[in-house]
N, C-alpha and C. Protein backbone atom coordinates (compact mmCIF):
# COMPACT_ATOMS: atom_id res chain seq x y z
N UNK A 1 10.41 172.08 7.40
CA UNK A 1 9.31 172.86 7.92
C UNK A 1 8.06 172.69 7.07
N UNK A 2 8.24 172.45 5.76
CA UNK A 2 7.08 172.36 4.88
C UNK A 2 6.58 170.92 4.72
N UNK A 3 7.16 170.00 5.44
CA UNK A 3 6.72 168.60 5.36
C UNK A 3 5.31 168.48 5.93
N UNK A 4 4.45 167.74 5.22
CA UNK A 4 3.06 167.62 5.66
C UNK A 4 2.74 166.23 6.17
N UNK A 5 3.22 165.20 5.52
CA UNK A 5 2.89 163.84 5.95
C UNK A 5 3.89 163.37 7.00
N UNK A 6 3.51 162.32 7.69
CA UNK A 6 4.38 161.75 8.72
C UNK A 6 5.69 161.25 8.11
N UNK A 7 5.62 160.67 6.93
CA UNK A 7 6.82 160.16 6.26
C UNK A 7 7.76 161.30 5.89
N UNK A 8 7.20 162.40 5.35
CA UNK A 8 8.02 163.55 4.99
C UNK A 8 8.69 164.15 6.23
N UNK A 9 7.94 164.21 7.32
CA UNK A 9 8.49 164.76 8.56
C UNK A 9 9.60 163.87 9.09
N UNK A 10 9.44 162.56 8.98
CA UNK A 10 10.47 161.63 9.43
C UNK A 10 11.74 161.80 8.61
N UNK A 11 11.59 161.96 7.28
CA UNK A 11 12.76 162.16 6.43
C UNK A 11 13.46 163.48 6.75
N UNK A 12 12.68 164.53 7.01
CA UNK A 12 13.27 165.82 7.36
C UNK A 12 14.01 165.74 8.69
N UNK A 13 13.44 165.01 9.63
CA UNK A 13 14.10 164.85 10.93
C UNK A 13 15.37 164.03 10.80
N UNK A 14 15.37 163.02 9.93
CA UNK A 14 16.58 162.24 9.68
C UNK A 14 17.68 163.13 9.13
N UNK A 15 17.33 164.02 8.20
CA UNK A 15 18.32 164.93 7.63
C UNK A 15 18.88 165.86 8.68
N UNK A 16 18.00 166.38 9.54
CA UNK A 16 18.44 167.29 10.60
C UNK A 16 19.36 166.57 11.57
N UNK A 17 19.01 165.36 11.96
CA UNK A 17 19.83 164.60 12.90
C UNK A 17 21.20 164.31 12.30
N UNK A 18 21.25 163.93 11.03
CA UNK A 18 22.53 163.67 10.37
C UNK A 18 23.40 164.90 10.31
N UNK A 19 22.79 166.05 10.03
CA UNK A 19 23.54 167.29 9.97
C UNK A 19 24.09 167.67 11.33
N UNK A 20 23.29 167.49 12.37
CA UNK A 20 23.76 167.82 13.72
C UNK A 20 24.92 166.92 14.15
N UNK A 21 24.84 165.64 13.80
CA UNK A 21 25.93 164.73 14.14
C UNK A 21 27.21 165.13 13.41
N UNK A 22 27.08 165.54 12.16
CA UNK A 22 28.25 166.00 11.41
C UNK A 22 28.84 167.25 12.03
N UNK A 23 27.98 168.15 12.49
CA UNK A 23 28.44 169.38 13.13
C UNK A 23 29.20 169.07 14.41
N UNK A 24 28.69 168.16 15.22
CA UNK A 24 29.37 167.80 16.45
C UNK A 24 30.69 167.07 16.16
N UNK A 25 30.72 166.25 15.13
CA UNK A 25 31.97 165.57 14.75
C UNK A 25 32.99 166.59 14.24
N UNK A 26 32.53 167.58 13.52
CA UNK A 26 33.41 168.63 13.02
C UNK A 26 34.03 169.41 14.17
N UNK A 27 33.24 169.64 15.21
CA UNK A 27 33.76 170.39 16.35
C UNK A 27 34.88 169.63 17.06
N UNK A 28 34.83 168.31 17.02
CA UNK A 28 35.89 167.51 17.64
C UNK A 28 37.22 167.72 16.92
N UNK A 29 37.18 167.98 15.62
CA UNK A 29 38.40 168.15 14.84
C UNK A 29 39.03 169.53 15.05
N UNK A 30 38.27 170.48 15.58
CA UNK A 30 38.77 171.84 15.77
C UNK A 30 38.64 172.23 17.24
N UNK A 31 39.69 172.04 18.02
CA UNK A 31 39.63 172.34 19.46
C UNK A 31 39.31 173.81 19.76
N UNK A 32 39.78 174.73 18.90
CA UNK A 32 39.48 176.15 19.13
C UNK A 32 37.98 176.41 19.02
N UNK A 33 37.35 175.78 18.05
CA UNK A 33 35.91 175.93 17.87
C UNK A 33 35.16 175.32 19.04
N UNK A 34 35.65 174.17 19.50
CA UNK A 34 34.99 173.46 20.59
C UNK A 34 35.04 174.27 21.89
N UNK A 35 36.10 175.07 22.07
CA UNK A 35 36.26 175.84 23.30
C UNK A 35 35.53 177.18 23.23
N UNK A 36 35.07 177.59 22.08
CA UNK A 36 34.39 178.87 21.92
C UNK A 36 33.06 178.84 22.69
N UNK A 37 32.80 179.87 23.49
CA UNK A 37 31.59 179.88 24.32
C UNK A 37 30.33 179.95 23.47
N UNK A 38 30.38 180.66 22.35
CA UNK A 38 29.20 180.73 21.49
C UNK A 38 28.88 179.35 20.91
N UNK A 39 29.90 178.61 20.52
CA UNK A 39 29.67 177.28 19.97
C UNK A 39 29.17 176.34 21.05
N UNK A 40 29.68 176.48 22.26
CA UNK A 40 29.21 175.64 23.37
C UNK A 40 27.74 175.92 23.66
N UNK A 41 27.35 177.19 23.59
CA UNK A 41 25.95 177.55 23.79
C UNK A 41 25.08 176.98 22.67
N UNK A 42 25.58 177.04 21.43
CA UNK A 42 24.86 176.46 20.29
C UNK A 42 24.68 174.96 20.48
N UNK A 43 25.73 174.30 20.91
CA UNK A 43 25.65 172.85 21.16
C UNK A 43 24.59 172.54 22.20
N UNK A 44 24.56 173.32 23.27
CA UNK A 44 23.59 173.10 24.34
C UNK A 44 22.16 173.31 23.81
N UNK A 45 21.95 174.35 23.02
CA UNK A 45 20.63 174.64 22.47
C UNK A 45 20.18 173.54 21.50
N UNK A 46 21.11 173.06 20.67
CA UNK A 46 20.77 172.00 19.71
C UNK A 46 20.42 170.71 20.44
N UNK A 47 21.17 170.40 21.47
CA UNK A 47 20.87 169.20 22.26
C UNK A 47 19.51 169.32 22.93
N UNK A 48 19.22 170.50 23.47
CA UNK A 48 17.92 170.73 24.09
C UNK A 48 16.79 170.60 23.07
N UNK A 49 17.01 171.13 21.87
CA UNK A 49 15.99 171.04 20.81
C UNK A 49 15.77 169.60 20.39
N UNK A 50 16.85 168.84 20.25
CA UNK A 50 16.71 167.42 19.90
C UNK A 50 15.92 166.67 20.97
N UNK A 51 16.18 166.99 22.24
CA UNK A 51 15.44 166.34 23.33
C UNK A 51 13.95 166.67 23.27
N UNK A 52 13.63 167.93 22.96
CA UNK A 52 12.23 168.33 22.85
C UNK A 52 11.54 167.63 21.68
N UNK A 53 12.25 167.51 20.56
CA UNK A 53 11.67 166.82 19.39
C UNK A 53 11.43 165.35 19.72
N UNK A 54 12.37 164.74 20.42
CA UNK A 54 12.22 163.34 20.82
C UNK A 54 11.02 163.16 21.75
N UNK A 55 10.85 164.09 22.69
CA UNK A 55 9.72 164.02 23.61
C UNK A 55 8.40 164.20 22.85
N UNK A 56 8.38 165.10 21.87
CA UNK A 56 7.17 165.31 21.07
C UNK A 56 6.86 164.07 20.24
N UNK A 57 7.89 163.41 19.72
CA UNK A 57 7.68 162.18 18.94
C UNK A 57 7.11 161.07 19.83
N UNK A 58 7.62 160.95 21.05
CA UNK A 58 7.08 159.95 21.97
C UNK A 58 5.63 160.26 22.34
N UNK A 59 5.31 161.54 22.54
CA UNK A 59 3.95 161.95 22.86
C UNK A 59 3.01 161.62 21.70
N UNK A 60 3.45 161.95 20.48
CA UNK A 60 2.64 161.67 19.29
C UNK A 60 2.40 160.17 19.15
N UNK A 61 3.47 159.38 19.27
CA UNK A 61 3.34 157.93 19.13
C UNK A 61 2.44 157.33 20.20
N UNK A 62 2.49 157.87 21.41
CA UNK A 62 1.60 157.40 22.47
C UNK A 62 0.14 157.67 22.14
N UNK A 63 -0.13 158.86 21.63
CA UNK A 63 -1.50 159.20 21.25
C UNK A 63 -1.98 158.37 20.07
N UNK A 64 -1.12 158.14 19.09
CA UNK A 64 -1.49 157.32 17.93
C UNK A 64 -1.76 155.89 18.38
N UNK A 65 -0.93 155.37 19.28
CA UNK A 65 -1.14 154.01 19.80
C UNK A 65 -2.49 153.91 20.51
N UNK A 66 -2.80 154.91 21.35
CA UNK A 66 -4.09 154.91 22.05
C UNK A 66 -5.26 154.99 21.08
N UNK A 67 -5.13 155.83 20.05
CA UNK A 67 -6.18 155.95 19.04
C UNK A 67 -6.39 154.62 18.32
N UNK A 68 -5.30 153.99 17.91
CA UNK A 68 -5.41 152.71 17.20
C UNK A 68 -6.05 151.64 18.07
N UNK A 69 -5.75 151.65 19.36
CA UNK A 69 -6.37 150.67 20.26
C UNK A 69 -7.86 150.95 20.38
N UNK A 70 -8.22 152.23 20.51
CA UNK A 70 -9.64 152.58 20.62
C UNK A 70 -10.41 152.19 19.35
N UNK A 71 -9.78 152.37 18.20
CA UNK A 71 -10.45 152.04 16.93
C UNK A 71 -10.73 150.54 16.85
N UNK A 72 -9.89 149.73 17.47
CA UNK A 72 -10.06 148.28 17.38
C UNK A 72 -10.90 147.68 18.51
N UNK A 73 -11.13 148.42 19.61
CA UNK A 73 -11.82 147.81 20.74
C UNK A 73 -13.30 148.21 20.80
N UNK A 74 -14.06 147.26 21.32
CA UNK A 74 -15.50 147.45 21.46
C UNK A 74 -15.77 148.27 22.70
N UNK A 75 -16.67 149.16 22.74
CA UNK A 75 -17.68 149.63 21.79
C UNK A 75 -17.20 150.82 20.97
N UNK A 76 -16.00 151.34 21.27
CA UNK A 76 -15.55 152.52 20.54
C UNK A 76 -15.32 152.23 19.06
N UNK A 77 -15.11 150.95 18.70
CA UNK A 77 -14.93 150.63 17.27
C UNK A 77 -16.21 150.88 16.48
N UNK A 78 -17.36 150.81 17.13
CA UNK A 78 -18.62 151.11 16.44
C UNK A 78 -18.68 152.58 16.04
N UNK A 79 -18.28 153.44 16.94
CA UNK A 79 -18.25 154.88 16.64
C UNK A 79 -17.18 155.18 15.59
N UNK A 80 -16.01 154.52 15.73
CA UNK A 80 -14.93 154.74 14.78
C UNK A 80 -15.35 154.35 13.36
N UNK A 81 -16.06 153.22 13.24
CA UNK A 81 -16.53 152.79 11.92
C UNK A 81 -17.60 153.73 11.39
N UNK A 82 -18.45 154.23 12.26
CA UNK A 82 -19.52 155.13 11.86
C UNK A 82 -18.95 156.43 11.29
N UNK A 83 -17.90 156.96 11.92
CA UNK A 83 -17.29 158.21 11.46
C UNK A 83 -16.07 157.99 10.56
N UNK A 84 -15.83 156.74 10.17
CA UNK A 84 -14.76 156.36 9.25
C UNK A 84 -13.36 156.78 9.75
N UNK A 85 -13.12 156.59 11.05
CA UNK A 85 -11.79 156.81 11.58
C UNK A 85 -10.89 155.68 11.11
N UNK A 86 -9.68 156.01 10.71
CA UNK A 86 -8.72 155.02 10.23
C UNK A 86 -7.52 154.96 11.18
N UNK A 87 -6.89 153.80 11.21
CA UNK A 87 -5.67 153.65 12.00
C UNK A 87 -4.59 154.55 11.42
N UNK A 88 -3.78 155.12 12.30
CA UNK A 88 -2.70 156.01 11.88
C UNK A 88 -1.36 155.30 12.05
N UNK A 89 -0.37 155.75 11.31
CA UNK A 89 0.98 155.19 11.40
C UNK A 89 1.77 155.89 12.50
N UNK A 90 2.63 155.12 13.16
CA UNK A 90 3.52 155.69 14.15
C UNK A 90 4.62 156.47 13.46
N UNK A 91 5.18 157.42 14.16
CA UNK A 91 6.29 158.21 13.64
C UNK A 91 7.58 157.46 13.97
N UNK A 92 8.11 156.74 12.97
CA UNK A 92 9.30 155.91 13.19
C UNK A 92 10.48 156.46 12.42
N UNK A 93 11.66 156.29 12.98
CA UNK A 93 12.88 156.79 12.37
C UNK A 93 13.89 155.65 12.25
N UNK A 94 13.66 154.74 11.35
CA UNK A 94 14.56 153.60 11.18
C UNK A 94 15.94 154.05 10.74
N UNK A 95 16.01 155.06 9.88
CA UNK A 95 17.31 155.54 9.40
C UNK A 95 18.10 156.20 10.52
N UNK A 96 17.42 156.90 11.41
CA UNK A 96 18.11 157.55 12.53
C UNK A 96 18.69 156.52 13.48
N UNK A 97 17.97 155.41 13.69
CA UNK A 97 18.49 154.36 14.56
C UNK A 97 19.75 153.75 13.95
N UNK A 98 19.75 153.57 12.64
CA UNK A 98 20.92 153.04 11.96
C UNK A 98 22.07 154.03 12.05
N UNK A 99 21.76 155.31 11.90
CA UNK A 99 22.80 156.34 11.98
C UNK A 99 23.40 156.42 13.37
N UNK A 100 22.60 156.12 14.39
CA UNK A 100 23.10 156.16 15.76
C UNK A 100 24.09 155.03 16.01
N UNK A 101 23.95 153.93 15.28
CA UNK A 101 24.86 152.80 15.46
C UNK A 101 26.20 153.04 14.76
N UNK A 102 26.18 153.81 13.68
CA UNK A 102 27.41 154.08 12.93
C UNK A 102 27.85 155.51 13.19
N UNK A 103 29.14 155.72 13.49
CA UNK A 103 29.59 157.09 13.69
C UNK A 103 29.57 157.85 12.36
N UNK A 104 29.32 159.16 12.41
CA UNK A 104 29.27 159.93 11.17
C UNK A 104 30.65 160.03 10.52
N UNK A 105 30.68 160.04 9.21
CA UNK A 105 31.93 160.16 8.48
C UNK A 105 32.08 161.60 8.03
N UNK A 106 33.18 162.22 8.42
CA UNK A 106 33.43 163.61 8.06
C UNK A 106 34.63 163.65 7.13
N UNK A 107 34.43 164.23 5.98
CA UNK A 107 35.51 164.34 5.00
C UNK A 107 35.74 165.79 4.66
N UNK A 108 37.01 166.15 4.45
CA UNK A 108 37.35 167.52 4.08
C UNK A 108 38.02 167.54 2.74
């Protein structure tokens, strides 16, 4: 929550995603927990939250892409140079993509 830069936010999101995957893997090991209605509701809410975060990341990246294009194209590049607008970095999650390829390891 206190992350300020795009890199810090990406690292925080990677940690959250890893924790959620571990939680879902843990639920597979305990059928009683998996059948609990409160846990099922929690799972649904977490999945919905992840979807919303993903949609917000796509929206942010789309706006950053549009801004970067405007900064480079004529005549808007003249205004961008005048007001010292700089290109921004996309919000990328390379670690999350790698984590999606490998199943989480749960140890007790």
